[in-house]
Amino acid sequence: MRRHPRRGEAGRQVSRSGPGVANPSQRGAEVGRRIGVGLMYGLWKPRVLGAWRVPATGPVILAVNHSHNIDGPMVMGVAPRPAHFLIKQEAFVGPLGPFLEGIGQVRVDRSTADRTAITRALGVLADGGVLGIFPEGTRGEGDFASLRAGLAYFAVRGAAPVVPVAVLGSTERRGRLIKGLPPLRSRVDVVFGDPFDAGDGSGRRTRKALDEATVRIQERLTGHLENARRLTGR
């Protein structure tokens, strides 16, 4: 019989990945998903392709390209399951900080090996949840040209399949109210790819094994992005 996780005084789930570290709220992530649906469909015109490829249960990692500021909220809103994204701590400013934590997102200090963020992310996967990652680290060309090894670590350590996700928005500047956002009411395509295992099946987590997993991940993500562009005409 499965032992249910203990609950803290505030009702937050206590992580099995480390003592005293609360897992991101699964209920909060579902609330965030509903908010994302309303905002994304209200401000833009999402077209979602291949969402059925996301495993219905169990741990999974959504690996998302990052070229617009709305990539995270867009995927959070249109994904078939609630997602917990790794988000840079600089975004947790003012009232936005408690809001992001309340909807189950994970704060990351990119200047160091953030053990708390790592523990919380692994806790999401240990609980059979969905972890969202921008493997390029920061917003850029969104072409998966430069990947960080963190995605491979979480995929191998968390025994989670990786689902590539391509977010393709308009590159036109006309109609943009804010730099880094697609024009309002423009179409944004979100294309989910086939899940795959990043590891070689051995379960090894050595530096060499993670480097090899990173190469495999980059090949699969780049291939998915090319297919998504052909499919959508972007």
C-alpha atoms as a PDB file:
ATOM      1  CA  MET A   1       0.000   0.000   0.000  1.00  0.00           C
ATOM      2  CA  ARG A   2       1.388   3.371  -0.983  1.00  0.00           C
ATOM      3  CA  ARG A   3       2.228   5.667   1.881  1.00  0.00           C
ATOM      4  CA  HIS A   4       0.691   9.102   1.426  1.00  0.00           C
ATOM      5  CA  PRO A   5       3.000  12.085   1.893  1.00  0.00           C
ATOM      6  CA  ARG A   6       2.698  14.061   5.113  1.00  0.00           C
ATOM      7  CA  ARG A   7       1.220  17.512   5.009  1.00  0.00           C
ATOM      8  CA  GLY A   8       2.698  20.628   6.567  1.00  0.00           C
ATOM      9  CA  GLU A   9       0.756  23.113   8.677  1.00  0.00           C
ATOM     10  CA  ALA A  10      -0.017  25.232   5.627  1.00  0.00           C
ATOM     11  CA  GLY A  11      -1.226  22.187   3.688  1.00  0.00           C
ATOM     12  CA  ARG A  12       1.835  22.010   1.491  1.00  0.00           C
ATOM     13  CA  GLN A  13       3.161  18.598   0.616  1.00  0.00           C
ATOM     14  CA  VAL A  14       6.415  17.674   2.308  1.00  0.00           C
ATOM     15  CA  SER A  15       8.978  16.485  -0.191  1.00  0.00           C
ATOM     16  CA  ARG A  16      10.224  12.927  -0.153  1.00  0.00           C
ATOM     17  CA  SER A  17      13.400  14.188  -1.832  1.00  0.00           C
ATOM     18  CA  GLY A  18      14.726  15.968   1.228  1.00  0.00           C
ATOM     19  CA  PRO A  19      13.774  16.777   4.822  1.00  0.00           C
ATOM     20  CA  GLY A  20      12.110  20.101   5.495  1.00  0.00           C
ATOM     21  CA  VAL A  21      11.689  21.073   1.829  1.00  0.00           C
ATOM     22  CA  ALA A  22       8.111  21.567   0.724  1.00  0.00           C
ATOM     23  CA  ASN A  23       7.164  20.320  -2.717  1.00  0.00           C
ATOM     24  CA  PRO A  24       5.484  22.804  -5.066  1.00  0.00           C
ATOM     25  CA  SER A  25       1.715  22.732  -4.682  1.00  0.00           C
ATOM     26  CA  GLN A  26       0.016  20.382  -7.155  1.00  0.00           C
ATOM     27  CA  ARG A  27      -3.312  22.047  -6.466  1.00  0.00           C
ATOM     28  CA  GLY A  28      -1.694  25.421  -7.078  1.00  0.00           C
ATOM     29  CA  ALA A  29      -0.348  24.223 -10.440  1.00  0.00           C
ATOM     30  CA  GLU A  30      -3.881  23.259 -11.471  1.00  0.00           C
ATOM     31  CA  VAL A  31      -5.079  26.737 -10.499  1.00  0.00           C
ATOM     32  CA  GLY A  32      -2.207  28.209 -12.532  1.00  0.00           C
ATOM     33  CA  ARG A  33      -3.229  26.090 -15.498  1.00  0.00           C
ATOM     34  CA  ARG A  34      -6.771  27.454 -15.376  1.00  0.00           C
ATOM     35  CA  ILE A  35      -5.506  31.027 -15.102  1.00  0.00           C
ATOM     36  CA  GLY A  36      -3.160  30.391 -18.013  1.00  0.00           C
ATOM     37  CA  VAL A  37      -5.995  29.061 -20.177  1.00  0.00           C
ATOM     38  CA  GLY A  38      -8.019  32.224 -19.625  1.00  0.00           C
ATOM     39  CA  LEU A  39      -5.137  34.623 -20.215  1.00  0.00           C
ATOM     40  CA  MET A  40      -3.599  32.904 -23.222  1.00  0.00           C
ATOM     41  CA  TYR A  41      -6.879  32.363 -25.097  1.00  0.00           C
ATOM     42  CA  GLY A  42      -8.009  35.862 -24.148  1.00  0.00           C
ATOM     43  CA  LEU A  43      -4.896  37.667 -25.399  1.00  0.00           C
ATOM     44  CA  TRP A  44      -3.681  35.403 -28.207  1.00  0.00           C
ATOM     45  CA  LYS A  45      -4.953  32.611 -30.455  1.00  0.00           C
ATOM     46  CA  PRO A  46      -3.210  29.410 -29.378  1.00  0.00           C
ATOM     47  CA  ARG A  47      -3.233  26.438 -31.722  1.00  0.00           C
ATOM     48  CA  VAL A  48      -2.257  23.284 -29.861  1.00  0.00           C
ATOM     49  CA  LEU A  49      -0.930  20.268 -31.746  1.00  0.00           C
ATOM     50  CA  GLY A  50       0.012  16.875 -30.341  1.00  0.00           C
ATOM     51  CA  ALA A  51      -1.031  17.440 -26.726  1.00  0.00           C
ATOM     52  CA  TRP A  52      -2.168  13.807 -26.651  1.00  0.00           C
ATOM     53  CA  ARG A  53       1.489  12.793 -26.760  1.00  0.00           C
ATOM     54  CA  VAL A  54       2.020  13.918 -23.166  1.00  0.00           C
ATOM     55  CA  PRO A  55       1.783  10.805 -20.928  1.00  0.00           C
ATOM     56  CA  ALA A  56      -1.456  10.929 -18.958  1.00  0.00           C
ATOM     57  CA  THR A  57       0.162   9.780 -15.725  1.00  0.00           C
ATOM     58  CA  GLY A  58       3.582   9.507 -14.147  1.00  0.00           C
ATOM     59  CA  PRO A  59       6.577  11.844 -14.105  1.00  0.00           C
ATOM     60  CA  VAL A  60       7.330  13.755 -17.284  1.00  0.00           C
ATOM     61  CA  ILE A  61       9.491  16.692 -18.304  1.00  0.00           C
ATOM     62  CA  LEU A  62       8.297  19.297 -20.799  1.00  0.00           C
ATOM     63  CA  ALA A  63      11.361  20.729 -22.571  1.00  0.00           C
ATOM     64  CA  VAL A  64      10.279  24.056 -24.065  1.00  0.00           C
ATOM     65  CA  ASN A  65      12.117  26.378 -26.440  1.00  0.00           C
ATOM     66  CA  HIS A  66      12.261  29.961 -25.201  1.00  0.00           C
ATOM     67  CA  SER A  67      11.928  32.904 -27.575  1.00  0.00           C
ATOM     68  CA  HIS A  68       8.956  34.805 -26.072  1.00  0.00           C
ATOM     69  CA  ASN A  69       8.124  35.930 -22.558  1.00  0.00           C
ATOM     70  CA  ILE A  70       4.796  34.100 -22.774  1.00  0.00           C
ATOM     71  CA  ASP A  71       6.297  30.663 -23.519  1.00  0.00           C
ATOM     72  CA  GLY A  72       5.956  29.441 -19.936  1.00  0.00           C
ATOM     73  CA  PRO A  73       2.425  30.726 -19.273  1.00  0.00           C
ATOM     74  CA  MET A  74       1.348  29.543 -22.733  1.00  0.00           C
ATOM     75  CA  VAL A  75       2.495  25.950 -22.168  1.00  0.00           C
ATOM     76  CA  MET A  76       1.182  26.027 -18.612  1.00  0.00           C
ATOM     77  CA  GLY A  77      -2.241  26.999 -19.938  1.00  0.00           C
ATOM     78  CA  VAL A  78      -2.525  24.620 -22.887  1.00  0.00           C
ATOM     79  CA  ALA A  79      -0.727  21.522 -21.535  1.00  0.00           C
ATOM     80  CA  PRO A  80      -3.078  18.616 -20.751  1.00  0.00           C
ATOM     81  CA  ARG A  81      -1.658  18.337 -17.214  1.00  0.00           C
ATOM     82  CA  PRO A  82      -0.710  20.931 -14.560  1.00  0.00           C
ATOM     83  CA  ALA A  83       2.978  21.834 -14.827  1.00  0.00           C
ATOM     84  CA  HIS A  84       5.612  23.146 -12.420  1.00  0.00           C
ATOM     85  CA  PHE A  85       8.162  25.296 -14.261  1.00  0.00           C
ATOM     86  CA  LEU A  86      11.684  26.125 -13.171  1.00  0.00           C
ATOM     87  CA  ILE A  87      11.701  29.936 -13.223  1.00  0.00           C
ATOM     88  CA  LYS A  88      14.604  32.302 -12.556  1.00  0.00           C
ATOM     89  CA  GLN A  89      14.436  33.966  -9.158  1.00  0.00           C
ATOM     90  CA  GLU A  90      14.589  37.423 -10.762  1.00  0.00           C
ATOM     91  CA  ALA A  91      10.959  36.912 -11.825  1.00  0.00           C
ATOM     92  CA  PHE A  92       9.861  36.504  -8.201  1.00  0.00           C
ATOM     93  CA  VAL A  93       9.639  40.232  -7.480  1.00  0.00           C
ATOM     94  CA  GLY A  94       6.935  42.074  -5.531  1.00  0.00           C
ATOM     95  CA  PRO A  95       3.495  40.448  -5.516  1.00  0.00           C
ATOM     96  CA  LEU A  96       4.485  38.216  -8.447  1.00  0.00           C
ATOM     97  CA  GLY A  97       6.717  36.150  -6.146  1.00  0.00           C
ATOM     98  CA  PRO A  98       3.982  34.828  -3.809  1.00  0.00           C
ATOM     99  CA  PHE A  99       1.696  34.370  -6.826  1.00  0.00           C
ATOM    100  CA  LEU A 100       4.202  32.184  -8.707  1.00  0.00           C
ATOM    101  CA  GLU A 101       4.898  30.130  -5.587  1.00  0.00           C
ATOM    102  CA  GLY A 102       1.162  29.816  -4.962  1.00  0.00           C
ATOM    103  CA  ILE A 103       0.600  28.293  -8.402  1.00  0.00           C
ATOM    104  CA  GLY A 104       3.314  25.722  -7.852  1.00  0.00           C
ATOM    105  CA  GLN A 105       6.243  27.183  -9.768  1.00  0.00           C
ATOM    106  CA  VAL A 106       9.860  26.601  -8.714  1.00  0.00           C
ATOM    107  CA  ARG A 107      12.221  29.498  -7.997  1.00  0.00           C
ATOM    108  CA  VAL A 108      15.794  28.941  -9.243  1.00  0.00           C
ATOM    109  CA  ASP A 109      18.953  30.869  -8.391  1.00  0.00           C
ATOM    110  CA  ARG A 110      20.912  30.567 -11.619  1.00  0.00           C
ATOM    111  CA  SER A 111      24.115  31.956 -10.089  1.00  0.00           C
ATOM    112  CA  THR A 112      24.779  28.823  -8.059  1.00  0.00           C
ATOM    113  CA  ALA A 113      23.876  25.151  -7.713  1.00  0.00           C
ATOM    114  CA  ASP A 114      20.484  25.799  -6.132  1.00  0.00           C
ATOM    115  CA  ARG A 115      19.995  22.696  -3.962  1.00  0.00           C
ATOM    116  CA  THR A 116      16.545  23.749  -2.804  1.00  0.00           C
ATOM    117  CA  ALA A 117      15.312  24.164  -6.380  1.00  0.00           C
ATOM    118  CA  ILE A 118      16.868  20.829  -7.376  1.00  0.00           C
ATOM    119  CA  THR A 119      15.186  19.078  -4.440  1.00  0.00           C
ATOM    120  CA  ARG A 120      11.803  20.607  -5.253  1.00  0.00           C
ATOM    121  CA  ALA A 121      12.090  19.750  -8.943  1.00  0.00           C
ATOM    122  CA  LEU A 122      12.988  16.140  -8.144  1.00  0.00           C
ATOM    123  CA  GLY A 123      10.102  16.113  -5.677  1.00  0.00           C
ATOM    124  CA  VAL A 124       7.699  17.021  -8.491  1.00  0.00           C
ATOM    125  CA  LEU A 125       8.923  14.036 -10.504  1.00  0.00           C
ATOM    126  CA  ALA A 126       8.939  11.709  -7.476  1.00  0.00           C
ATOM    127  CA  ASP A 127       5.268  12.557  -6.983  1.00  0.00           C
ATOM    128  CA  GLY A 128       4.516  11.669 -10.622  1.00  0.00           C
ATOM    129  CA  GLY A 129       4.112  15.293 -11.676  1.00  0.00           C
ATOM    130  CA  VAL A 130       5.025  17.412 -14.699  1.00  0.00           C
ATOM    131  CA  LEU A 131       8.204  19.505 -14.610  1.00  0.00           C
ATOM    132  CA  GLY A 132       8.611  22.296 -17.173  1.00  0.00           C
ATOM    133  CA  ILE A 133      12.127  23.328 -18.184  1.00  0.00           C
ATOM    134  CA  PHE A 134      13.613  25.840 -20.617  1.00  0.00           C
ATOM    135  CA  PRO A 135      16.799  23.876 -21.442  1.00  0.00           C
ATOM    136  CA  GLU A 136      18.382  26.900 -23.125  1.00  0.00           C
ATOM    137  CA  GLY A 137      18.378  28.656 -19.763  1.00  0.00           C
ATOM    138  CA  THR A 138      17.286  32.111 -20.908  1.00  0.00           C
ATOM    139  CA  ARG A 139      15.109  33.637 -23.591  1.00  0.00           C
ATOM    140  CA  GLY A 140      16.918  33.820 -26.919  1.00  0.00           C
ATOM    141  CA  GLU A 141      16.514  32.474 -30.433  1.00  0.00           C
ATOM    142  CA  GLY A 142      14.470  29.532 -29.173  1.00  0.00           C
ATOM    143  CA  ASP A 143      16.289  27.092 -31.455  1.00  0.00           C
ATOM    144  CA  PHE A 144      17.681  24.682 -28.818  1.00  0.00           C
ATOM    145  CA  ALA A 145      21.189  25.509 -30.081  1.00  0.00           C
ATOM    146  CA  SER A 146      22.674  25.731 -26.582  1.00  0.00           C
ATOM    147  CA  LEU A 147      21.450  23.334 -23.911  1.00  0.00           C
ATOM    148  CA  ARG A 148      22.381  23.147 -20.257  1.00  0.00           C
ATOM    149  CA  ALA A 149      23.074  19.818 -18.598  1.00  0.00           C
ATOM    150  CA  GLY A 150      20.340  20.347 -15.992  1.00  0.00           C
ATOM    151  CA  LEU A 151      17.654  18.807 -18.198  1.00  0.00           C
ATOM    152  CA  ALA A 152      19.657  15.592 -18.611  1.00  0.00           C
ATOM    153  CA  TYR A 153      20.224  15.400 -14.848  1.00  0.00           C
ATOM    154  CA  PHE A 154      16.526  15.708 -14.017  1.00  0.00           C
ATOM    155  CA  ALA A 155      15.518  13.286 -16.775  1.00  0.00           C
ATOM    156  CA  VAL A 156      17.986  10.586 -15.687  1.00  0.00           C
ATOM    157  CA  ARG A 157      17.769  11.119 -11.928  1.00  0.00           C
ATOM    158  CA  GLY A 158      13.979  11.440 -11.980  1.00  0.00           C
ATOM    159  CA  ALA A 159      13.501   8.545 -14.433  1.00  0.00           C
ATOM    160  CA  ALA A 160      11.189  10.811 -16.430  1.00  0.00           C
ATOM    161  CA  PRO A 161      10.547  10.824 -20.184  1.00  0.00           C
ATOM    162  CA  VAL A 162      11.146  14.112 -21.972  1.00  0.00           C
ATOM    163  CA  VAL A 163       8.454  15.655 -24.168  1.00  0.00           C
ATOM    164  CA  PRO A 164       9.798  18.333 -26.537  1.00  0.00           C
ATOM    165  CA  VAL A 165       7.563  21.388 -26.887  1.00  0.00           C
ATOM    166  CA  ALA A 166       7.921  24.037 -29.594  1.00  0.00           C
ATOM    167  CA  VAL A 167       6.239  27.403 -29.046  1.00  0.00           C
ATOM    168  CA  LEU A 168       6.142  29.318 -32.323  1.00  0.00           C
ATOM    169  CA  GLY A 169       4.752  32.835 -32.337  1.00  0.00           C
ATOM    170  CA  SER A 170       4.697  35.662 -34.831  1.00  0.00           C
ATOM    171  CA  THR A 171       8.010  37.420 -35.460  1.00  0.00           C
ATOM    172  CA  GLU A 172       6.306  40.581 -36.719  1.00  0.00           C
ATOM    173  CA  ARG A 173       6.832  43.728 -34.677  1.00  0.00           C
ATOM    174  CA  ARG A 174       3.587  45.355 -35.714  1.00  0.00           C
ATOM    175  CA  GLY A 175       0.925  45.053 -33.068  1.00  0.00           C
ATOM    176  CA  ARG A 176       3.359  44.392 -30.238  1.00  0.00           C
ATOM    177  CA  LEU A 177       2.637  46.351 -27.088  1.00  0.00           C
ATOM    178  CA  ILE A 178       5.563  44.921 -25.141  1.00  0.00           C
ATOM    179  CA  LYS A 179       8.954  43.801 -26.426  1.00  0.00           C
ATOM    180  CA  GLY A 180       9.340  40.024 -26.227  1.00  0.00           C
ATOM    181  CA  LEU A 181       5.636  39.311 -26.694  1.00  0.00           C
ATOM    182  CA  PRO A 182       3.865  38.245 -29.898  1.00  0.00           C
ATOM    183  CA  PRO A 183       1.325  40.782 -31.195  1.00  0.00           C
ATOM    184  CA  LEU A 184      -1.955  40.582 -29.329  1.00  0.00           C
ATOM    185  CA  ARG A 185      -4.578  38.296 -30.897  1.00  0.00           C
ATOM    186  CA  SER A 186      -1.932  36.760 -33.157  1.00  0.00           C
ATOM    187  CA  ARG A 187      -1.722  32.997 -33.566  1.00  0.00           C
ATOM    188  CA  VAL A 188       0.729  31.105 -31.378  1.00  0.00           C
ATOM    189  CA  ASP A 189       1.410  27.465 -32.218  1.00  0.00           C
ATOM    190  CA  VAL A 190       2.305  25.026 -29.433  1.00  0.00           C
ATOM    191  CA  VAL A 191       3.511  21.686 -30.773  1.00  0.00           C
ATOM    192  CA  PHE A 192       4.112  18.726 -28.447  1.00  0.00           C
ATOM    193  CA  GLY A 193       6.452  15.975 -29.609  1.00  0.00           C
ATOM    194  CA  ASP A 194       6.822  12.297 -28.827  1.00  0.00           C
ATOM    195  CA  PRO A 195       8.182  11.445 -25.356  1.00  0.00           C
ATOM    196  CA  PHE A 196      11.637   9.869 -25.204  1.00  0.00           C
ATOM    197  CA  ASP A 197      14.105   8.601 -22.603  1.00  0.00           C
ATOM    198  CA  ALA A 198      17.240  10.704 -22.299  1.00  0.00           C
ATOM    199  CA  GLY A 199      19.375   8.039 -20.636  1.00  0.00           C
ATOM    200  CA  ASP A 200      20.978   4.977 -22.195  1.00  0.00           C
ATOM    201  CA  GLY A 201      19.002   2.576 -20.041  1.00  0.00           C
ATOM    202  CA  SER A 202      21.855   1.896 -17.623  1.00  0.00           C
ATOM    203  CA  GLY A 203      20.712   4.385 -14.986  1.00  0.00           C
ATOM    204  CA  ARG A 204      24.247   5.827 -14.813  1.00  0.00           C
ATOM    205  CA  ARG A 205      24.515   9.445 -13.586  1.00  0.00           C
ATOM    206  CA  THR A 206      28.215  10.024 -14.209  1.00  0.00           C
ATOM    207  CA  ARG A 207      29.430  13.185 -15.906  1.00  0.00           C
ATOM    208  CA  LYS A 208      30.048  11.225 -19.108  1.00  0.00           C
ATOM    209  CA  ALA A 209      26.574   9.669 -19.007  1.00  0.00           C
ATOM    210  CA  LEU A 210      24.927  13.066 -18.503  1.00  0.00           C
ATOM    211  CA  ASP A 211      27.004  14.614 -21.306  1.00  0.00           C
ATOM    212  CA  GLU A 212      25.905  11.812 -23.636  1.00  0.00           C
ATOM    213  CA  ALA A 213      22.283  12.284 -22.530  1.00  0.00           C
ATOM    214  CA  THR A 214      22.539  16.011 -23.244  1.00  0.00           C
ATOM    215  CA  VAL A 215      23.688  15.277 -26.800  1.00  0.00           C
ATOM    216  CA  ARG A 216      20.762  12.890 -27.317  1.00  0.00           C
ATOM    217  CA  ILE A 217      18.343  15.452 -25.918  1.00  0.00           C
ATOM    218  CA  GLN A 218      19.656  18.222 -28.149  1.00  0.00           C
ATOM    219  CA  GLU A 219      19.302  16.054 -31.245  1.00  0.00           C
ATOM    220  CA  ARG A 220      15.714  15.145 -30.385  1.00  0.00           C
ATOM    221  CA  LEU A 221      14.701  18.693 -29.455  1.00  0.00           C
ATOM    222  CA  THR A 222      16.276  20.218 -32.550  1.00  0.00           C
ATOM    223  CA  GLY A 223      14.610  17.601 -34.748  1.00  0.00           C
ATOM    224  CA  HIS A 224      11.245  18.276 -33.143  1.00  0.00           C
ATOM    225  CA  LEU A 225      11.599  22.019 -33.667  1.00  0.00           C
ATOM    226  CA  GLU A 226      12.384  21.521 -37.352  1.00  0.00           C
ATOM    227  CA  ASN A 227       9.352  19.254 -37.751  1.00  0.00           C
ATOM    228  CA  ALA A 228       7.151  21.737 -35.874  1.00  0.00           C
ATOM    229  CA  ARG A 229       8.230  24.562 -38.171  1.00  0.00           C
ATOM    230  CA  ARG A 230       7.471  22.515 -41.255  1.00  0.00           C
ATOM    231  CA  LEU A 231       4.124  21.465 -39.822  1.00  0.00           C
ATOM    232  CA  THR A 232       3.053  25.010 -38.924  1.00  0.00           C
ATOM    233  CA  GLY A 233       4.762  26.913 -41.716  1.00  0.00           C
ATOM    234  CA  ARG A 234       6.625  29.083 -39.192  1.00  0.00           C
END
